Amino acid sequence: MIKTYANWEGDLEDYLQIGDVVDEEMADHFLNVLPPTCWTAKIIQIGEPNSHVGGKATYATLEKTSQGWVYRGNCHRGETEGRS
């Protein structure tokens, strides 16, 4: 099931679980809420750190896959492995 921006209520981390596929509107939100910290053809990371792990900031992350945009949790800049 695709998680949609239109159905999102409350905290992002309460709505999205690692591995959730999101719609294009949610991906657009990741791009437009703040200037992204990382934006490539395969990764979008929200521009504000969520936390710090190992002395490095982590960011809410989407990864482009064959399924579409997939939420990967909070990852270090440029990475898609959840850290927190």
N, C-alpha and C. Protein backbone atom coordinates (compact mmCIF):
# COMPACT_ATOMS: atom_id res chain seq x y z
N MET A 1 0.84 -1.18 0.00
CA MET A 1 0.00 0.00 0.00
C MET A 1 0.89 1.25 0.00
N ILE A 2 0.57 2.20 -0.82
CA ILE A 2 1.33 3.45 -0.91
C ILE A 2 0.83 4.42 0.14
N LYS A 3 1.76 5.00 0.89
CA LYS A 3 1.40 6.04 1.86
C LYS A 3 1.31 7.36 1.10
N THR A 4 0.22 8.09 1.30
CA THR A 4 0.01 9.32 0.56
C THR A 4 0.18 10.55 1.45
N TYR A 5 0.60 11.62 0.80
CA TYR A 5 0.73 12.90 1.49
C TYR A 5 -0.64 13.36 1.99
N ALA A 6 -1.66 13.14 1.19
CA ALA A 6 -3.02 13.58 1.54
C ALA A 6 -3.52 12.93 2.82
N ASN A 7 -3.10 11.70 3.11
CA ASN A 7 -3.56 10.99 4.31
C ASN A 7 -2.67 11.20 5.53
N TRP A 8 -1.57 11.90 5.37
CA TRP A 8 -0.62 12.11 6.46
C TRP A 8 -1.22 13.02 7.52
N GLU A 9 -1.18 12.54 8.75
CA GLU A 9 -1.57 13.32 9.93
C GLU A 9 -0.54 13.09 11.00
N GLY A 10 -0.27 14.08 11.81
CA GLY A 10 0.64 13.93 12.93
C GLY A 10 2.10 13.94 12.52
N ASP A 11 2.91 13.28 13.34
CA ASP A 11 4.36 13.26 13.16
C ASP A 11 4.75 12.36 12.00
N LEU A 12 5.72 12.80 11.20
CA LEU A 12 6.18 12.02 10.06
C LEU A 12 6.62 10.62 10.47
N GLU A 13 7.36 10.52 11.58
CA GLU A 13 7.86 9.22 12.03
C GLU A 13 6.76 8.30 12.54
N ASP A 14 5.62 8.87 12.93
CA ASP A 14 4.48 8.04 13.32
C ASP A 14 3.74 7.53 12.09
N TYR A 15 3.76 8.32 11.02
CA TYR A 15 3.03 7.96 9.79
C TYR A 15 3.83 7.00 8.91
N LEU A 16 5.12 7.26 8.76
CA LEU A 16 5.94 6.44 7.87
C LEU A 16 6.78 5.44 8.63
N GLN A 17 6.82 4.23 8.13
CA GLN A 17 7.69 3.18 8.66
C GLN A 17 8.74 2.87 7.60
N ILE A 18 9.93 2.48 8.02
CA ILE A 18 10.99 2.15 7.07
C ILE A 18 10.46 1.09 6.11
N GLY A 19 10.65 1.35 4.81
CA GLY A 19 10.19 0.44 3.77
C GLY A 19 8.88 0.84 3.13
N ASP A 20 8.17 1.84 3.70
CA ASP A 20 6.92 2.30 3.10
C ASP A 20 7.18 2.98 1.76
N VAL A 21 6.36 2.66 0.78
CA VAL A 21 6.39 3.36 -0.51
C VAL A 21 5.48 4.58 -0.36
N VAL A 22 5.95 5.74 -0.85
CA VAL A 22 5.18 6.97 -0.73
C VAL A 22 4.84 7.51 -2.12
N ASP A 23 3.82 8.36 -2.18
CA ASP A 23 3.41 8.93 -3.46
C ASP A 23 4.31 10.11 -3.85
N GLU A 24 4.13 10.57 -5.09
CA GLU A 24 4.96 11.67 -5.60
C GLU A 24 4.74 12.95 -4.82
N GLU A 25 3.54 13.16 -4.31
CA GLU A 25 3.27 14.36 -3.51
C GLU A 25 4.10 14.36 -2.22
N MET A 26 4.29 13.19 -1.61
CA MET A 26 5.14 13.09 -0.42
C MET A 26 6.59 13.36 -0.80
N ALA A 27 7.04 12.82 -1.93
CA ALA A 27 8.40 13.09 -2.39
C ALA A 27 8.58 14.59 -2.64
N ASP A 28 7.58 15.23 -3.22
CA ASP A 28 7.64 16.68 -3.44
C ASP A 28 7.75 17.42 -2.11
N HIS A 29 7.04 16.96 -1.10
CA HIS A 29 7.14 17.57 0.23
C HIS A 29 8.58 17.50 0.75
N PHE A 30 9.22 16.34 0.61
CA PHE A 30 10.61 16.18 1.05
C PHE A 30 11.51 17.20 0.35
N LEU A 31 11.21 17.48 -0.91
CA LEU A 31 12.01 18.44 -1.67
C LEU A 31 11.72 19.89 -1.27
N ASN A 32 10.47 20.18 -0.95
CA ASN A 32 10.04 21.57 -0.83
C ASN A 32 9.89 22.10 0.59
N VAL A 33 9.86 21.22 1.60
CA VAL A 33 9.66 21.70 2.97
C VAL A 33 10.84 22.58 3.40
N LEU A 34 12.03 22.22 3.01
CA LEU A 34 13.27 22.98 3.22
C LEU A 34 14.18 22.64 2.04
N PRO A 35 15.17 23.44 1.76
CA PRO A 35 16.12 22.99 0.74
C PRO A 35 16.69 21.63 1.17
N PRO A 36 16.67 20.64 0.29
CA PRO A 36 17.13 19.30 0.67
C PRO A 36 18.62 19.28 1.00
N THR A 37 18.99 18.45 1.96
CA THR A 37 20.40 18.29 2.28
C THR A 37 21.09 17.43 1.23
N CYS A 38 20.32 16.53 0.61
CA CYS A 38 20.83 15.69 -0.48
C CYS A 38 19.68 15.44 -1.44
N TRP A 39 19.96 15.67 -2.73
CA TRP A 39 18.94 15.46 -3.75
C TRP A 39 19.62 14.96 -5.01
N THR A 40 19.39 13.69 -5.32
CA THR A 40 19.92 13.09 -6.54
C THR A 40 18.77 12.36 -7.21
N ALA A 41 19.05 11.68 -8.30
CA ALA A 41 18.01 10.90 -8.98
C ALA A 41 17.51 9.77 -8.10
N LYS A 42 18.30 9.35 -7.10
CA LYS A 42 17.96 8.19 -6.27
C LYS A 42 17.67 8.50 -4.81
N ILE A 43 18.02 9.71 -4.33
CA ILE A 43 17.88 10.03 -2.91
C ILE A 43 17.31 11.43 -2.74
N ILE A 44 16.37 11.57 -1.79
CA ILE A 44 15.94 12.89 -1.32
C ILE A 44 16.04 12.85 0.20
N GLN A 45 16.71 13.85 0.77
CA GLN A 45 16.80 13.97 2.23
C GLN A 45 16.37 15.36 2.65
N ILE A 46 15.43 15.42 3.61
CA ILE A 46 14.95 16.70 4.13
C ILE A 46 16.13 17.47 4.71
N GLY A 47 16.14 18.79 4.49
CA GLY A 47 17.28 19.63 4.82
C GLY A 47 17.53 19.92 6.28
N GLU A 48 16.71 19.45 7.17
CA GLU A 48 16.94 19.69 8.60
C GLU A 48 17.27 18.37 9.28
N PRO A 49 18.35 18.33 10.06
CA PRO A 49 18.68 17.07 10.75
C PRO A 49 17.57 16.62 11.68
N ASN A 50 17.38 15.32 11.76
CA ASN A 50 16.41 14.75 12.69
C ASN A 50 17.09 14.45 14.02
N SER A 51 18.32 13.96 13.94
CA SER A 51 19.08 13.62 15.14
C SER A 51 20.55 13.54 14.76
N HIS A 52 21.36 13.11 15.71
CA HIS A 52 22.79 12.88 15.45
C HIS A 52 23.15 11.49 15.97
N VAL A 53 23.83 10.73 15.13
CA VAL A 53 24.28 9.38 15.48
C VAL A 53 25.75 9.29 15.12
N GLY A 54 26.56 8.88 16.08
CA GLY A 54 28.00 8.78 15.83
C GLY A 54 28.62 10.13 15.51
N GLY A 55 28.06 11.19 16.06
CA GLY A 55 28.59 12.54 15.83
C GLY A 55 28.21 13.14 14.49
N LYS A 56 27.37 12.44 13.71
CA LYS A 56 26.94 12.94 12.40
C LYS A 56 25.42 13.09 12.37
N ALA A 57 24.96 14.12 11.67
CA ALA A 57 23.53 14.36 11.55
C ALA A 57 22.86 13.26 10.72
N THR A 58 21.58 13.00 11.04
CA THR A 58 20.77 12.10 10.24
C THR A 58 19.57 12.89 9.70
N TYR A 59 19.07 12.45 8.55
CA TYR A 59 18.00 13.16 7.85
C TYR A 59 16.94 12.18 7.38
N ALA A 60 15.68 12.59 7.42
CA ALA A 60 14.60 11.78 6.85
C ALA A 60 14.91 11.55 5.38
N THR A 61 14.85 10.29 4.95
CA THR A 61 15.37 9.90 3.64
C THR A 61 14.37 9.10 2.82
N LEU A 62 14.28 9.46 1.53
CA LEU A 62 13.56 8.66 0.55
C LEU A 62 14.57 8.16 -0.47
N GLU A 63 14.37 6.91 -0.92
CA GLU A 63 15.21 6.33 -1.96
C GLU A 63 14.32 5.90 -3.12
N LYS A 64 14.73 6.24 -4.33
CA LYS A 64 13.99 5.83 -5.54
C LYS A 64 14.35 4.38 -5.86
N THR A 65 13.32 3.53 -5.96
CA THR A 65 13.50 2.12 -6.28
C THR A 65 12.57 1.76 -7.44
N SER A 66 12.58 0.52 -7.82
CA SER A 66 11.67 0.07 -8.88
C SER A 66 10.21 0.15 -8.42
N GLN A 67 9.97 0.20 -7.12
CA GLN A 67 8.62 0.33 -6.56
C GLN A 67 8.16 1.78 -6.52
N GLY A 68 9.09 2.72 -6.60
CA GLY A 68 8.81 4.14 -6.43
C GLY A 68 9.69 4.68 -5.30
N TRP A 69 9.27 5.80 -4.72
CA TRP A 69 10.01 6.39 -3.59
C TRP A 69 9.72 5.60 -2.33
N VAL A 70 10.77 5.14 -1.65
CA VAL A 70 10.65 4.33 -0.44
C VAL A 70 11.30 5.07 0.72
N TYR A 71 10.57 5.13 1.85
CA TYR A 71 11.09 5.77 3.05
C TYR A 71 12.15 4.88 3.69
N ARG A 72 13.32 5.44 3.97
CA ARG A 72 14.44 4.69 4.55
C ARG A 72 14.75 5.09 5.98
N GLY A 73 13.94 5.93 6.59
CA GLY A 73 14.20 6.36 7.95
C GLY A 73 15.15 7.54 7.98
N ASN A 74 15.85 7.68 9.09
CA ASN A 74 16.80 8.78 9.27
C ASN A 74 18.21 8.25 9.01
N CYS A 75 18.82 8.81 7.97
CA CYS A 75 20.11 8.32 7.49
C CYS A 75 21.12 9.45 7.46
N HIS A 76 22.40 9.07 7.50
CA HIS A 76 23.44 10.07 7.30
C HIS A 76 23.34 10.64 5.90
N ARG A 77 23.89 11.83 5.71
CA ARG A 77 23.82 12.53 4.43
C ARG A 77 24.33 11.64 3.29
N GLY A 78 23.50 11.51 2.25
CA GLY A 78 23.88 10.73 1.07
C GLY A 78 23.74 9.23 1.21
N GLU A 79 23.26 8.76 2.37
CA GLU A 79 23.11 7.33 2.62
C GLU A 79 21.65 6.93 2.70
N THR A 80 21.39 5.63 2.54
CA THR A 80 20.00 5.13 2.62
C THR A 80 19.82 4.04 3.67
N GLU A 81 20.78 3.93 4.58
CA GLU A 81 20.67 2.97 5.68
C GLU A 81 20.28 3.73 6.94
N GLY A 82 19.10 3.40 7.48
CA GLY A 82 18.60 4.10 8.67
C GLY A 82 19.56 4.02 9.84
N ARG A 83 19.74 5.14 10.52
CA ARG A 83 20.66 5.23 11.66
C ARG A 83 19.97 5.51 12.97
N SER A 84 18.71 5.92 12.94
CA SER A 84 18.03 6.19 14.21
C SER A 84 16.56 5.85 14.12
